[in-house]
Structures are given as C-alpha cells and as structure tokens.
Protein backbone atom coordinates (compact mmCIF):
# COMPACT_ATOMS: atom_id res chain seq x y z
CA MET A 1 1.35 101.87 1.44
CA LEU A 2 1.40 105.62 0.69
CA SER A 3 5.26 105.49 0.33
CA GLY A 4 4.76 103.18 -2.61
CA LEU A 5 2.22 105.51 -4.09
CA LEU A 6 4.65 108.41 -3.88
CA ILE A 7 7.44 106.43 -5.35
CA ILE A 8 5.30 105.62 -8.45
CA LEU A 9 3.95 109.18 -8.70
CA LEU A 10 7.26 110.87 -8.41
CA PRO A 11 8.21 110.28 -12.07
CA LEU A 12 4.89 111.52 -13.25
CA VAL A 13 5.16 114.68 -11.19
CA LEU A 14 8.81 115.30 -12.20
CA GLY A 15 7.85 114.91 -15.90
CA TYR A 16 5.02 117.35 -15.42
CA LEU A 17 7.38 119.98 -14.12
CA VAL A 18 9.33 119.87 -17.34
CA ARG A 19 8.33 122.44 -19.89
CA VAL A 20 9.39 121.62 -23.51
CA ARG A 21 9.44 124.41 -26.22
CA SER A 22 11.06 122.56 -28.93
CA THR A 23 8.67 120.90 -31.45
CA PRO A 24 11.14 118.20 -32.58
CA LEU A 25 11.76 117.29 -28.92
CA LEU A 26 7.99 117.04 -28.24
CA ARG A 27 7.68 114.78 -31.25
CA LEU A 28 10.44 112.70 -29.88
CA ILE A 29 8.80 112.32 -26.55
CA ASN A 30 5.53 111.29 -28.15
CA GLN A 31 7.37 108.66 -29.97
CA ALA A 32 9.06 107.52 -26.80
CA VAL A 33 5.74 107.20 -25.15
CA ASN A 34 4.37 105.00 -27.93
CA GLY A 35 7.49 102.87 -28.01
CA SER A 36 7.35 102.32 -24.16
CA VAL A 37 3.71 101.45 -24.32
CA TYR A 38 4.40 98.78 -27.02
CA LEU A 39 7.40 97.46 -25.10
CA ILE A 40 5.47 97.11 -21.71
CA LEU A 41 2.45 95.52 -23.44
CA LEU A 42 4.80 93.10 -25.07
CA LEU A 43 6.29 92.28 -21.73
CA MET A 44 2.88 91.93 -20.24
CA GLY A 45 1.99 89.37 -22.82
CA ILE A 46 5.09 87.35 -21.83
CA SER A 47 4.15 87.45 -18.24
CA LEU A 48 0.68 86.29 -19.05
CA ALA A 49 2.17 83.24 -20.65
CA GLY A 50 3.86 82.47 -17.30
CA LEU A 51 0.65 82.09 -15.38
CA GLU A 52 -0.21 78.54 -14.09
CA ASN A 53 -3.09 76.76 -15.91
CA PHE A 54 -2.74 79.35 -18.72
CA SER A 55 -5.77 78.23 -20.70
CA SER A 56 -8.11 78.45 -17.57
CA GLN A 57 -6.59 81.81 -16.67
CA LEU A 58 -7.21 83.15 -20.09
CA SER A 59 -10.84 82.11 -19.81
CA ARG A 60 -10.97 83.98 -16.58
CA LEU A 61 -9.47 87.03 -17.99
CA GLY A 62 -12.08 87.19 -20.75
CA GLY A 63 -14.98 86.54 -18.30
CA ASN A 64 -13.79 89.27 -15.85
CA ALA A 65 -13.17 91.73 -18.66
CA LEU A 66 -16.68 91.25 -19.96
CA VAL A 67 -18.26 91.63 -16.53
CA LEU A 68 -16.39 94.82 -15.73
CA PHE A 69 -17.05 96.25 -19.18
CA SER A 70 -20.72 95.39 -19.06
CA ILE A 71 -21.22 97.02 -15.59
CA THR A 72 -19.13 100.10 -16.42
CA THR A 73 -20.96 100.69 -19.81
CA LEU A 74 -24.27 100.32 -18.22
CA PHE A 75 -23.46 102.90 -15.57
CA ASN A 76 -21.64 105.25 -18.04
CA LEU A 77 -24.40 105.30 -20.61
CA THR A 78 -27.14 105.73 -18.09
CA ALA A 79 -25.33 108.69 -16.40
CA LEU A 80 -24.29 110.28 -19.78
CA TRP A 81 -27.78 109.97 -21.10
CA TRP A 82 -29.06 111.73 -18.01
CA LEU A 83 -26.46 114.58 -18.64
CA SER A 84 -27.37 114.71 -22.39
CA ARG A 85 -31.00 115.68 -21.35
CA ARG A 86 -29.77 118.58 -19.28
CA LEU A 87 -27.13 120.03 -21.52
CA THR A 88 -28.11 122.36 -24.34
CA LEU A 89 -25.43 120.89 -26.61
CA LYS A 90 -26.18 119.94 -30.16
CA ALA A 91 -23.81 118.47 -32.78
CA GLY A 92 -23.43 120.54 -35.97
CA ASN A 93 -23.00 119.40 -39.57
CA SER A 94 -20.67 116.61 -40.44
CA PRO A 95 -17.63 118.15 -42.20
CA VAL A 96 -15.07 116.31 -44.27
CA VAL A 97 -12.02 115.98 -41.98
CA LYS A 98 -8.68 116.15 -43.49
CA ASN A 99 -6.74 112.93 -42.91
CA GLY A 100 -9.66 111.61 -40.94
CA PRO A 101 -10.43 107.92 -40.79
CA ILE A 102 -12.32 106.70 -43.94
CA SER A 103 -13.77 103.66 -42.06
CA LYS A 104 -14.42 102.37 -38.44
CA LEU A 105 -11.73 99.81 -39.17
CA ALA A 106 -9.19 102.37 -40.14
CA ALA A 107 -10.05 104.41 -36.93
CA MET A 108 -9.53 101.18 -34.78
CA ARG A 109 -6.24 100.09 -36.42
CA GLY A 110 -4.10 101.49 -33.65
CA SER A 111 -6.16 99.85 -30.97
CA LEU A 112 -6.14 96.46 -32.74
CA LEU A 113 -2.41 96.69 -33.19
CA LEU A 114 -1.88 96.90 -29.35
CA VAL A 115 -3.92 93.59 -29.03
CA VAL A 116 -1.55 92.03 -31.63
CA VAL A 117 1.44 93.11 -29.49
CA VAL A 118 0.04 91.66 -26.33
CA ALA A 119 -0.94 88.40 -28.22
CA GLY A 120 2.65 88.41 -29.74
CA GLY A 121 4.23 88.66 -26.29
CA THR A 122 2.03 85.80 -25.05
CA MET A 123 2.98 83.58 -27.86
CA ALA A 124 6.69 84.41 -27.40
CA GLY A 125 6.36 83.52 -23.72
CA LEU A 126 4.59 80.17 -24.47
CA LEU A 127 7.19 79.26 -27.07
CA ALA A 128 10.26 80.46 -25.12
CA GLY A 129 9.11 79.61 -21.69
CA PRO A 130 9.81 75.83 -21.59
CA SER A 131 13.42 76.19 -22.84
CA VAL A 132 14.32 79.40 -20.94
CA GLY A 133 12.42 78.64 -17.69
CA ASP A 134 10.81 80.89 -15.10
CA GLY A 135 13.81 83.41 -15.45
CA LEU A 136 12.05 84.61 -18.66
CA PHE A 137 8.94 85.73 -16.72
CA SER A 138 10.67 87.32 -13.71
CA THR A 139 13.03 89.24 -16.17
CA ALA A 140 9.91 90.48 -18.08
CA ASP A 141 8.25 91.68 -14.81
CA ALA A 142 11.44 93.50 -13.78
CA LEU A 143 11.95 95.16 -17.23
CA ALA A 144 8.23 96.23 -17.35
CA GLU A 145 8.53 97.94 -13.96
CA GLY A 146 11.75 99.88 -15.05
CA VAL A 147 10.14 100.98 -18.35
CA LEU A 148 7.03 101.94 -16.41
CA TYR A 149 8.90 104.64 -14.41
CA VAL A 150 10.23 106.09 -17.65
CA LEU A 151 6.79 106.00 -19.26
CA LEU A 152 5.19 107.86 -16.29
CA ALA A 153 7.84 110.62 -16.59
CA LEU A 154 7.26 110.93 -20.29
CA ILE A 155 3.51 110.99 -19.82
CA GLY A 156 3.78 113.76 -17.12
CA CYS A 157 5.81 115.82 -19.65
CA GLN A 158 3.19 115.13 -22.50
CA LEU A 159 0.36 116.43 -20.13
CA ARG A 160 2.28 119.53 -19.16
CA ASN A 161 3.07 120.47 -22.78
CA SER A 162 -0.39 119.48 -24.21
CA GLY A 163 -1.16 123.19 -24.83
CA MET A 164 -4.24 122.96 -22.52
CA PRO A 165 -4.09 125.79 -19.97
CA LEU A 166 -6.05 125.34 -16.60
CA ARG A 167 -8.16 128.36 -17.24
CA GLN A 168 -9.42 127.07 -20.57
CA ILE A 169 -10.35 123.75 -18.81
CA LEU A 170 -12.34 125.32 -15.96
CA LEU A 171 -14.07 127.65 -18.29
CA ASN A 172 -15.39 124.77 -20.53
CA ARG A 173 -18.19 123.71 -18.26
CA MET A 174 -19.68 121.20 -20.63
CA GLY A 175 -16.43 119.30 -21.05
CA LEU A 176 -15.97 119.47 -17.22
CA ALA A 177 -19.38 118.18 -16.65
CA MET A 178 -18.87 115.19 -19.03
CA ALA A 179 -15.62 114.31 -17.42
CA VAL A 180 -17.00 114.39 -13.88
CA THR A 181 -20.10 112.33 -14.98
CA LEU A 182 -18.01 109.63 -16.63
CA ALA A 183 -15.53 109.41 -13.86
CA LEU A 184 -18.06 109.17 -11.01
CA SER A 185 -20.20 106.61 -12.91
CA SER A 186 -17.19 104.52 -13.74
CA LEU A 187 -15.98 104.47 -10.06
CA LEU A 188 -19.44 103.52 -8.87
CA ALA A 189 -19.47 100.67 -11.36
CA GLY A 190 -16.09 99.58 -10.08
CA ILE A 191 -17.30 99.38 -6.50
CA ILE A 192 -20.36 97.15 -7.88
CA ALA A 193 -18.12 95.02 -9.94
CA ALA A 194 -15.31 94.44 -7.34
CA PRO A 195 -17.02 91.40 -5.51
CA LEU A 196 -17.98 89.87 -8.82
CA LEU A 197 -14.35 89.92 -9.84
CA SER A 198 -13.13 88.77 -6.28
CA LEU A 199 -11.41 92.07 -5.73
CA SER A 200 -11.50 94.45 -2.76
CA TRP A 201 -13.45 97.66 -3.07
CA ASN A 202 -10.24 99.76 -3.69
CA GLU A 203 -9.00 97.38 -6.39
CA GLY A 204 -12.31 97.55 -8.11
CA LEU A 205 -12.08 101.31 -8.06
CA ALA A 206 -8.62 101.11 -9.48
CA MET A 207 -9.71 98.78 -12.29
CA ALA A 208 -12.56 101.27 -13.22
CA ALA A 209 -10.29 104.29 -13.05
CA GLY A 210 -8.68 103.86 -16.52
CA PHE A 211 -11.41 105.83 -18.25
CA GLY A 212 -10.59 104.29 -21.55
CA TRP A 213 -6.72 104.84 -21.25
CA TYR A 214 -6.19 101.04 -21.87
CA SER A 215 -2.42 101.24 -22.47
CA LEU A 216 -1.78 103.04 -19.15
CA SER A 217 -4.35 101.18 -17.00
CA ALA A 218 -3.12 97.79 -18.07
CA ILE A 219 0.44 98.74 -17.22
CA LEU A 220 -0.21 100.22 -13.78
CA ILE A 221 -2.77 97.54 -12.69
CA GLY A 222 -0.48 94.73 -14.04
CA ASP A 223 2.38 96.10 -12.07
CA GLN A 224 0.49 95.91 -8.76
CA LEU A 225 -2.18 93.15 -9.25
CA GLY A 226 -0.41 90.89 -11.77
CA PRO A 227 -0.62 90.27 -15.43
CA LEU A 228 -4.12 88.68 -15.35
CA MET A 229 -5.74 91.75 -13.75
CA GLY A 230 -3.60 93.89 -16.05
CA GLY A 231 -5.21 92.10 -19.03
CA VAL A 232 -8.63 92.60 -17.65
CA ALA A 233 -8.03 96.36 -17.37
CA PHE A 234 -6.60 96.49 -20.72
CA PHE A 235 -9.55 94.74 -22.52
CA ASN A 236 -12.14 96.63 -20.34
CA ASP A 237 -10.70 100.02 -21.57
CA LEU A 238 -10.00 98.80 -25.11
CA PHE A 239 -13.64 97.71 -25.53
CA ARG A 240 -14.77 101.16 -24.46
CA GLU A 241 -12.79 102.70 -27.29
CA LEU A 242 -14.16 100.18 -29.75
CA LEU A 243 -17.73 100.76 -28.72
CA ALA A 244 -17.22 104.53 -28.83
CA PHE A 245 -16.29 104.28 -32.48
CA ILE A 246 -19.63 102.59 -33.14
CA LEU A 247 -21.66 104.77 -30.95
CA ILE A 248 -20.43 108.21 -32.01
CA PRO A 249 -21.98 108.18 -35.52
CA LEU A 250 -25.24 106.61 -34.29
CA VAL A 251 -26.08 108.91 -31.37
CA ILE A 252 -24.08 112.19 -31.57
CA HIS A 253 -26.99 114.10 -33.08
CA ARG A 254 -29.57 112.90 -30.51
CA HIS A 255 -27.36 112.55 -27.41
CA THR A 256 -24.25 114.61 -28.14
CA ALA A 257 -22.90 114.60 -24.47
CA LEU A 258 -23.27 110.75 -24.40
CA ALA A 259 -21.45 110.32 -27.64
CA ILE A 260 -18.57 112.69 -26.73
CA GLY A 261 -18.28 111.60 -23.09
CA TYR A 262 -18.35 107.78 -23.41
CA GLY A 263 -14.95 107.78 -25.21
CA GLY A 264 -13.39 108.93 -21.92
CA ALA A 265 -9.72 109.73 -22.04
CA THR A 266 -9.75 108.88 -25.84
CA SER A 267 -12.02 111.87 -26.65
CA MET A 268 -8.93 114.11 -26.82
CA ASP A 269 -7.04 111.98 -29.27
CA VAL A 270 -7.98 108.64 -30.79
CA THR A 271 -11.78 109.17 -31.03
CA LEU A 272 -11.54 113.02 -31.64
CA PRO A 273 -11.48 112.74 -35.43
CA VAL A 274 -14.55 110.61 -35.45
CA ILE A 275 -16.34 113.19 -33.11
CA GLN A 276 -15.37 115.98 -35.44
CA GLN A 277 -16.31 114.05 -38.51
CA HIS A 278 -19.78 113.36 -37.26
CA GLY A 279 -20.46 116.22 -34.80
CA GLY A 280 -18.75 119.23 -36.36
CA VAL A 281 -16.11 121.58 -35.11
CA ALA A 282 -18.22 122.78 -32.17
CA CYS A 283 -17.82 119.40 -30.39
CA VAL A 284 -13.95 119.39 -30.66
CA PRO A 285 -13.01 121.76 -27.75
CA ILE A 286 -15.49 120.13 -25.45
CA ALA A 287 -14.27 116.58 -26.33
CA VAL A 288 -10.57 117.74 -25.83
CA VAL A 289 -11.24 119.15 -22.44
CA SER A 290 -13.27 116.10 -21.24
CA GLY A 291 -10.54 113.72 -22.54
CA PHE A 292 -7.68 115.81 -21.14
CA LEU A 293 -9.23 115.92 -17.66
CA LEU A 294 -9.82 112.18 -17.56
CA SER A 295 -6.25 111.52 -18.81
CA LEU A 296 -4.99 113.87 -16.03
CA LEU A 297 -7.18 112.01 -13.33
CA SER A 298 -6.51 108.53 -14.36
CA PRO A 299 -2.91 107.80 -13.37
CA PRO A 300 -3.08 109.31 -9.82
CA LEU A 301 -6.46 107.83 -9.10
CA ILE A 302 -5.30 104.21 -10.21
CA LEU A 303 -2.12 104.58 -8.05
CA PHE A 304 -3.98 106.01 -5.11
CA PHE A 305 -6.66 103.28 -4.97
CA LEU A 306 -3.99 100.56 -5.40
CA SER A 307 -2.02 102.08 -2.55
CA LEU A 308 -4.97 101.58 -0.06
CA SER A 309 -4.30 97.75 -0.24
CA SER A 310 -2.79 96.35 2.90
C-alpha cells in the first residue's frame, strides 16, 4: 500500500525540486495547472455518468456531501472561534482593493465554473454513453489518472516557486496556528463522519484533508475511491469556499482568525482579495501563510490516508 503512495507522491516531489526563475514559464505552469484541473473534472463528470442507478447515486452524493460539510463546518468554526478568543489579532480598515471582486457572485465565478465543468462532463457521459458503451467510462478513468500525474508534478513546481520561504512561514505564528487548528479540527470531523458515510476511518480522514482545495481533493479521492466519493470531496470543499465568501465580511472584525482560517487552502488565493477587502492589508500575510501551509499539507495527507486502505 505504501508503494502506491510513493508512486503517486513521486511526481509531486519531483515537481517540488524544480526551481523556475522565468516569469513567463511560471505563468505557463499556472495555466497548465488550471487546464489540467478542468480536464480532470470533465473526465470525472463523465465517469459519474457511468455509475449504475445514476439518479439514486446522485442523491447519495448530495446527501453524503451535506453530511461531511455540516460536521466539518461545525468542528472548524468551533475550533477557530476558540482560537479567535486567544489571538490578539484584529482586522484593520477595509481598503479598496484594485481589481478586487465587486460582488460575492463575481468572487465565486471561478468556483461555479468548475461545477459547470463537472455537470457538462456528466451530461456528455449520459448522452454519449448509450452509443459508445462502457469503453467511454474506462477511457475517461485512464485518461484522468494520466493527467493526474502531470498535475501533481505541476502543483509541486507551483508550491516550490510560490515565493514563500520556510523561515517566513515558521515566523508567522498566527498563520501557523490557524492552519494547525483548521487541519486538526477537519481531521477530527473526518473521523466522526466516516461511519455515517460508510467509510473506514482512514478514508474519512482522507475526505476531510482537502482543506478547501476542491479541485485537488476531488481528483485524488476520485482516483482511489471512485467518482462518487470524488464528487462528495469536491462539493464538500467547494461549499467551504462558498461559505467563506459569505462569512468573511460578516465576522472578520469580531472573529478575525475564524474569518481568515475557515477558507482553508483558499486563503492564499481565491478568498484572499475578499480577506484584504474587508480585513485590511495586515491580514494578508497571515492568510497567505495559513493557506500555503494547508495547500502544502493536503496532497500528502490525502494520499497517505488513502494508502492505509488494505
């Protein structure tokens, strides 16, 4: 089982060893990551269409995602509220952020686009499946696995060249505290949710270890546990991001650590403009460190927990 973990982790590690100094090349890598994510989620949608009793399985997917999201959110918000009461962190004035989202809908546009991609893949699978046959779904699975290895290598390269030195991470104790609090509370929620989802304890931990990185968690979980559980992981982490967009403006001035930390891995990118817009520039380095740490932890944790399955 550990050999499978090493095989999947190898591209991530190899990508992390590559230092890129060219800005155009970094931009190309970022575009390749985005393209790979869209492609794999499209293929995951096609695989979902190949499930037997599709309508009942779709209902199960929604129910499981809601259960996992509700338990994880309860544990996360409780733990981060506790942390907020102990950190002397206060949001500043709300500046006007250049090129920042002008509405919650604008901020969520990228997230909703990924939902459209999955739905489009599912529709394509339902329409083409009867004429093409089961070969369509097996081909989609094989292609998704191949693209996954490329994506992991690119993500490793992204993390290495993010401009976030280890010293800066370790010295930012508030960002570190938020990341650890969110990670531990999420994993505890995964253990609690596992029997409710008919999963083993380690699979429950893997489902909870996405920390909001829905595009990656869906891909890694789907590759090991099938498209149904991949869909559950996707919507669980997507709902986190959508709720973060709503929570940040409402609570950042009263419970700053909760508002920053709840976004999980998205605090370093997708929800960062909203954090800056409502919490001020003082919140930015803390959010970046917290999000970066969770992004760094998520892939190896998911793969490690999945490797514990017999």
